Amino acid sequence: MGKLINILMGNSNNLDEKSYRSFDHSNSSLNQKPELNLQIAEVSSKSDMLNVEQSIRSGDILIMEINRLHDSLTKEELLTYISNAVSEINGDIVKRHENEYIITPSSISINRSKL
């Protein structure tokens, strides 16, 4: 229960793929292929940056995490590059935390007010 509280309250430092839960929809009418995908991208290199751009251009929704940048890639360079790609598709980008951004295609806008 403590792990769930940490996740809900924003302490996500210990999250890994084992923290995500998959649901079996095999006996459900939800078996159809989704129209949109939500991707979580950890960006640390220029190749990661290019993968993020490809996902943006394909219409995915992204949660982009910038933790440790390598390859002489600066945060400013990364954000300028990604912001230009988002702008070209009329998408939306919002900074969620210090190193976390939400990116959506043009069909989805991000409401900046909290519930």
N, C-alpha and C. Protein backbone atom coordinates (compact mmCIF):
# COMPACT_ATOMS: atom_id res chain seq x y z
N MET A 1 0.83 -1.20 0.00
CA MET A 1 0.00 0.00 0.00
C MET A 1 0.86 1.26 0.00
N GLY A 2 2.00 1.21 0.68
CA GLY A 2 2.89 2.35 0.72
C GLY A 2 3.41 2.72 -0.66
N LYS A 3 3.67 1.70 -1.50
CA LYS A 3 4.15 1.95 -2.86
C LYS A 3 3.08 2.67 -3.67
N LEU A 4 1.82 2.25 -3.52
CA LEU A 4 0.72 2.90 -4.23
C LEU A 4 0.59 4.35 -3.79
N ILE A 5 0.69 4.62 -2.50
CA ILE A 5 0.61 5.99 -2.00
C ILE A 5 1.72 6.83 -2.58
N ASN A 6 2.95 6.29 -2.63
CA ASN A 6 4.07 7.03 -3.21
C ASN A 6 3.83 7.35 -4.67
N ILE A 7 3.28 6.41 -5.42
CA ILE A 7 2.99 6.65 -6.83
C ILE A 7 1.94 7.73 -6.98
N LEU A 8 0.86 7.63 -6.21
CA LEU A 8 -0.24 8.60 -6.31
C LEU A 8 0.17 9.98 -5.83
N MET A 9 1.05 10.04 -4.86
CA MET A 9 1.45 11.33 -4.31
C MET A 9 2.64 11.93 -5.07
N GLY A 10 3.13 11.25 -6.10
CA GLY A 10 4.15 11.85 -6.93
C GLY A 10 5.57 11.37 -6.70
N ASN A 11 5.78 10.46 -5.80
CA ASN A 11 7.13 9.94 -5.58
C ASN A 11 7.33 8.75 -6.52
N SER A 12 7.66 9.03 -7.77
CA SER A 12 7.76 7.98 -8.77
C SER A 12 9.20 7.58 -9.06
N ASN A 13 10.12 7.88 -8.17
CA ASN A 13 11.53 7.59 -8.41
C ASN A 13 11.80 6.10 -8.55
N ASN A 14 10.98 5.26 -7.93
CA ASN A 14 11.24 3.83 -7.92
C ASN A 14 10.38 3.07 -8.92
N LEU A 15 9.75 3.77 -9.87
CA LEU A 15 8.91 3.09 -10.85
C LEU A 15 9.76 2.39 -11.89
N ASP A 16 9.35 1.20 -12.26
CA ASP A 16 9.95 0.50 -13.38
C ASP A 16 8.82 -0.25 -14.08
N GLU A 17 9.16 -1.01 -15.10
CA GLU A 17 8.12 -1.69 -15.86
C GLU A 17 7.33 -2.67 -15.01
N LYS A 18 7.90 -3.18 -13.95
CA LYS A 18 7.19 -4.11 -13.07
C LYS A 18 6.08 -3.39 -12.29
N SER A 19 6.17 -2.06 -12.21
CA SER A 19 5.18 -1.28 -11.46
C SER A 19 3.87 -1.12 -12.23
N TYR A 20 3.90 -1.36 -13.54
CA TYR A 20 2.71 -1.18 -14.35
C TYR A 20 1.88 -2.45 -14.32
N ARG A 21 0.60 -2.29 -14.34
CA ARG A 21 -0.30 -3.43 -14.29
C ARG A 21 -0.96 -3.59 -15.64
N SER A 22 -0.98 -4.79 -16.16
CA SER A 22 -1.67 -5.08 -17.42
C SER A 22 -3.01 -5.73 -17.11
N PHE A 23 -3.99 -5.40 -17.92
CA PHE A 23 -5.32 -5.97 -17.75
C PHE A 23 -5.61 -6.91 -18.92
N ASP A 24 -6.24 -8.02 -18.65
CA ASP A 24 -6.60 -8.99 -19.69
C ASP A 24 -7.98 -8.62 -20.22
N HIS A 25 -8.01 -8.17 -21.46
CA HIS A 25 -9.28 -7.80 -22.10
C HIS A 25 -9.69 -8.82 -23.16
N SER A 26 -9.19 -10.04 -23.06
CA SER A 26 -9.43 -11.03 -24.10
C SER A 26 -10.91 -11.42 -24.21
N ASN A 27 -11.66 -11.34 -23.14
CA ASN A 27 -13.08 -11.67 -23.19
C ASN A 27 -13.94 -10.42 -23.23
N SER A 28 -13.39 -9.34 -23.72
CA SER A 28 -14.06 -8.05 -23.69
C SER A 28 -14.30 -7.53 -25.09
N SER A 29 -15.21 -6.60 -25.20
CA SER A 29 -15.44 -5.94 -26.49
C SER A 29 -14.36 -4.91 -26.75
N LEU A 30 -13.41 -4.78 -25.83
CA LEU A 30 -12.31 -3.82 -25.98
C LEU A 30 -11.15 -4.40 -26.78
N ASN A 31 -11.36 -5.52 -27.47
CA ASN A 31 -10.30 -6.17 -28.22
C ASN A 31 -9.87 -5.42 -29.47
N GLN A 32 -10.59 -4.39 -29.84
CA GLN A 32 -10.21 -3.66 -31.04
C GLN A 32 -8.94 -2.84 -30.81
N LYS A 33 -8.23 -2.59 -31.90
CA LYS A 33 -6.98 -1.84 -31.81
C LYS A 33 -7.28 -0.39 -31.44
N PRO A 34 -6.56 0.16 -30.45
CA PRO A 34 -6.80 1.55 -30.06
C PRO A 34 -6.38 2.52 -31.16
N GLU A 35 -7.07 3.66 -31.22
CA GLU A 35 -6.74 4.68 -32.21
C GLU A 35 -5.50 5.47 -31.81
N LEU A 36 -5.29 5.65 -30.52
CA LEU A 36 -4.14 6.39 -30.01
C LEU A 36 -3.35 5.53 -29.04
N ASN A 37 -2.06 5.79 -28.97
CA ASN A 37 -1.21 5.12 -27.99
C ASN A 37 -0.65 6.17 -27.05
N LEU A 38 -0.49 5.79 -25.80
CA LEU A 38 0.20 6.61 -24.81
C LEU A 38 1.55 5.97 -24.59
N GLN A 39 2.60 6.73 -24.88
CA GLN A 39 3.96 6.25 -24.74
C GLN A 39 4.64 6.98 -23.59
N ILE A 40 5.47 6.27 -22.87
CA ILE A 40 6.32 6.89 -21.86
C ILE A 40 7.74 6.80 -22.40
N ALA A 41 8.37 7.95 -22.58
CA ALA A 41 9.69 8.00 -23.19
C ALA A 41 10.70 8.59 -22.23
N GLU A 42 11.76 7.86 -21.97
CA GLU A 42 12.89 8.37 -21.20
C GLU A 42 13.94 8.83 -22.20
N VAL A 43 14.23 10.11 -22.20
CA VAL A 43 15.16 10.68 -23.17
C VAL A 43 16.49 10.95 -22.49
N SER A 44 17.55 10.38 -23.05
CA SER A 44 18.88 10.64 -22.53
C SER A 44 19.90 10.88 -23.64
N SER A 45 19.51 10.60 -24.89
CA SER A 45 20.46 10.74 -26.00
C SER A 45 19.76 11.30 -27.24
N LYS A 46 20.55 11.61 -28.25
CA LYS A 46 19.98 12.12 -29.50
C LYS A 46 19.14 11.07 -30.20
N SER A 47 19.51 9.81 -30.10
CA SER A 47 18.68 8.76 -30.71
C SER A 47 17.32 8.66 -30.02
N ASP A 48 17.30 8.84 -28.70
CA ASP A 48 16.01 8.87 -27.98
C ASP A 48 15.18 10.05 -28.47
N MET A 49 15.83 11.18 -28.69
CA MET A 49 15.16 12.38 -29.16
C MET A 49 14.50 12.12 -30.52
N LEU A 50 15.19 11.41 -31.40
CA LEU A 50 14.63 11.10 -32.72
C LEU A 50 13.47 10.12 -32.61
N ASN A 51 13.54 9.17 -31.67
CA ASN A 51 12.42 8.25 -31.44
C ASN A 51 11.19 9.00 -30.94
N VAL A 52 11.40 9.99 -30.07
CA VAL A 52 10.30 10.81 -29.56
C VAL A 52 9.67 11.58 -30.72
N GLU A 53 10.50 12.16 -31.57
CA GLU A 53 9.96 12.89 -32.71
C GLU A 53 9.12 11.98 -33.60
N GLN A 54 9.59 10.77 -33.85
CA GLN A 54 8.85 9.82 -34.68
C GLN A 54 7.49 9.50 -34.04
N SER A 55 7.45 9.31 -32.74
CA SER A 55 6.19 9.04 -32.04
C SER A 55 5.25 10.23 -32.12
N ILE A 56 5.81 11.43 -31.98
CA ILE A 56 5.00 12.65 -32.09
C ILE A 56 4.35 12.72 -33.47
N ARG A 57 5.14 12.50 -34.49
CA ARG A 57 4.66 12.60 -35.87
C ARG A 57 3.67 11.49 -36.22
N SER A 58 3.73 10.36 -35.52
CA SER A 58 2.78 9.28 -35.78
C SER A 58 1.47 9.47 -35.01
N GLY A 59 1.40 10.51 -34.17
CA GLY A 59 0.15 10.83 -33.49
C GLY A 59 -0.01 10.25 -32.11
N ASP A 60 1.07 9.75 -31.53
CA ASP A 60 1.00 9.21 -30.17
C ASP A 60 0.93 10.32 -29.13
N ILE A 61 0.41 9.98 -27.98
CA ILE A 61 0.48 10.84 -26.80
C ILE A 61 1.72 10.39 -26.03
N LEU A 62 2.51 11.34 -25.56
CA LEU A 62 3.76 10.99 -24.90
C LEU A 62 3.89 11.62 -23.54
N ILE A 63 4.46 10.88 -22.63
CA ILE A 63 4.98 11.43 -21.38
C ILE A 63 6.49 11.30 -21.52
N MET A 64 7.15 12.44 -21.66
CA MET A 64 8.59 12.45 -21.91
C MET A 64 9.32 12.80 -20.62
N GLU A 65 10.21 11.91 -20.23
CA GLU A 65 11.02 12.12 -19.03
C GLU A 65 12.45 12.42 -19.45
N ILE A 66 13.00 13.50 -18.91
CA ILE A 66 14.39 13.87 -19.19
C ILE A 66 15.15 13.70 -17.88
N ASN A 67 15.92 12.65 -17.78
CA ASN A 67 16.64 12.39 -16.53
C ASN A 67 18.13 12.66 -16.64
N ARG A 68 18.82 11.88 -17.43
CA ARG A 68 20.26 12.05 -17.58
C ARG A 68 20.58 12.15 -19.07
N LEU A 69 20.97 13.32 -19.51
CA LEU A 69 21.27 13.52 -20.93
C LEU A 69 22.73 13.15 -21.22
N HIS A 70 22.93 12.46 -22.34
CA HIS A 70 24.26 12.06 -22.80
C HIS A 70 24.49 12.64 -24.20
N ASP A 71 25.58 12.24 -24.81
CA ASP A 71 25.90 12.62 -26.20
C ASP A 71 25.96 14.12 -26.40
N SER A 72 26.39 14.86 -25.43
CA SER A 72 26.48 16.32 -25.50
C SER A 72 25.15 16.97 -25.86
N LEU A 73 24.06 16.31 -25.55
CA LEU A 73 22.72 16.85 -25.78
C LEU A 73 22.32 17.69 -24.57
N THR A 74 21.99 18.95 -24.80
CA THR A 74 21.56 19.81 -23.69
C THR A 74 20.04 19.79 -23.60
N LYS A 75 19.54 20.11 -22.43
CA LYS A 75 18.10 20.16 -22.23
C LYS A 75 17.46 21.21 -23.15
N GLU A 76 18.12 22.34 -23.32
CA GLU A 76 17.59 23.40 -24.18
C GLU A 76 17.51 22.93 -25.63
N GLU A 77 18.55 22.24 -26.09
CA GLU A 77 18.57 21.72 -27.46
C GLU A 77 17.45 20.70 -27.66
N LEU A 78 17.29 19.81 -26.72
CA LEU A 78 16.24 18.80 -26.78
C LEU A 78 14.86 19.45 -26.83
N LEU A 79 14.60 20.37 -25.91
CA LEU A 79 13.28 20.99 -25.84
C LEU A 79 12.98 21.84 -27.07
N THR A 80 13.99 22.50 -27.62
CA THR A 80 13.78 23.27 -28.85
C THR A 80 13.41 22.34 -29.99
N TYR A 81 14.14 21.24 -30.14
CA TYR A 81 13.90 20.28 -31.20
C TYR A 81 12.50 19.67 -31.08
N ILE A 82 12.15 19.22 -29.88
CA ILE A 82 10.85 18.59 -29.66
C ILE A 82 9.72 19.61 -29.81
N SER A 83 9.91 20.82 -29.30
CA SER A 83 8.89 21.86 -29.43
C SER A 83 8.63 22.19 -30.90
N ASN A 84 9.67 22.21 -31.72
CA ASN A 84 9.49 22.46 -33.15
C ASN A 84 8.69 21.34 -33.81
N ALA A 85 8.98 20.10 -33.44
CA ALA A 85 8.22 18.97 -33.99
C ALA A 85 6.76 19.04 -33.57
N VAL A 86 6.50 19.38 -32.31
CA VAL A 86 5.13 19.51 -31.82
C VAL A 86 4.42 20.65 -32.55
N SER A 87 5.10 21.74 -32.74
CA SER A 87 4.52 22.89 -33.44
C SER A 87 4.16 22.55 -34.89
N GLU A 88 5.01 21.79 -35.56
CA GLU A 88 4.77 21.42 -36.96
C GLU A 88 3.51 20.58 -37.14
N ILE A 89 3.13 19.81 -36.12
CA ILE A 89 1.92 19.00 -36.23
C ILE A 89 0.74 19.65 -35.50
N ASN A 90 0.93 20.89 -35.04
CA ASN A 90 -0.10 21.61 -34.27
C ASN A 90 -0.49 20.85 -33.01
N GLY A 91 0.48 20.20 -32.40
CA GLY A 91 0.24 19.47 -31.17
C GLY A 91 0.34 20.38 -29.96
N ASP A 92 0.42 19.77 -28.80
CA ASP A 92 0.47 20.52 -27.55
C ASP A 92 1.54 19.89 -26.66
N ILE A 93 2.23 20.72 -25.89
CA ILE A 93 3.25 20.24 -24.96
C ILE A 93 3.14 21.05 -23.68
N VAL A 94 3.20 20.35 -22.55
CA VAL A 94 3.10 20.98 -21.24
C VAL A 94 4.14 20.36 -20.31
N LYS A 95 4.81 21.22 -19.57
CA LYS A 95 5.75 20.76 -18.55
C LYS A 95 4.95 20.33 -17.33
N ARG A 96 5.11 19.07 -16.91
CA ARG A 96 4.37 18.55 -15.77
C ARG A 96 5.19 18.69 -14.49
N HIS A 97 6.43 18.27 -14.52
CA HIS A 97 7.38 18.40 -13.42
C HIS A 97 8.68 18.95 -13.98
N GLU A 98 9.67 19.08 -13.15
CA GLU A 98 10.95 19.64 -13.59
C GLU A 98 11.49 18.95 -14.84
N ASN A 99 11.40 17.63 -14.89
CA ASN A 99 11.96 16.88 -16.01
C ASN A 99 10.94 16.00 -16.71
N GLU A 100 9.66 16.40 -16.67
CA GLU A 100 8.62 15.59 -17.28
C GLU A 100 7.68 16.47 -18.10
N TYR A 101 7.42 16.05 -19.33
CA TYR A 101 6.58 16.81 -20.25
C TYR A 101 5.51 15.89 -20.82
N ILE A 102 4.33 16.44 -21.07
CA ILE A 102 3.25 15.72 -21.72
C ILE A 102 3.10 16.32 -23.11
N ILE A 103 3.05 15.44 -24.12
CA ILE A 103 2.96 15.87 -25.51
C ILE A 103 1.76 15.17 -26.14
N THR A 104 0.93 15.95 -26.84
CA THR A 104 -0.25 15.38 -27.48
C THR A 104 -0.32 15.81 -28.95
N PRO A 105 -1.01 15.01 -29.78
CA PRO A 105 -1.21 15.41 -31.18
C PRO A 105 -2.26 16.52 -31.27
N SER A 106 -2.48 17.02 -32.49
CA SER A 106 -3.38 18.16 -32.66
C SER A 106 -4.82 17.84 -32.27
N SER A 107 -5.21 16.59 -32.28
CA SER A 107 -6.59 16.22 -31.95
C SER A 107 -6.88 16.26 -30.45
N ILE A 108 -5.84 16.45 -29.64
CA ILE A 108 -6.01 16.45 -28.18
C ILE A 108 -5.31 17.67 -27.61
N SER A 109 -6.05 18.48 -26.87
CA SER A 109 -5.42 19.61 -26.19
C SER A 109 -5.25 19.28 -24.71
N ILE A 110 -4.30 19.92 -24.10
CA ILE A 110 -4.01 19.68 -22.68
C ILE A 110 -4.59 20.84 -21.88
N ASN A 111 -5.51 20.54 -20.97
CA ASN A 111 -6.09 21.55 -20.11
C ASN A 111 -5.07 21.88 -19.03
N ARG A 112 -4.72 23.15 -18.92
CA ARG A 112 -3.68 23.55 -17.98
C ARG A 112 -4.19 23.79 -16.56
N SER A 113 -5.47 23.73 -16.34
CA SER A 113 -6.00 23.90 -14.99
C SER A 113 -6.17 22.53 -14.34
N LYS A 114 -5.89 22.46 -13.07
CA LYS A 114 -5.98 21.19 -12.34
C LYS A 114 -7.41 21.00 -11.84
N LEU A 115 -7.79 19.75 -11.68
CA LEU A 115 -9.11 19.42 -11.14
C LEU A 115 -9.15 19.68 -9.65
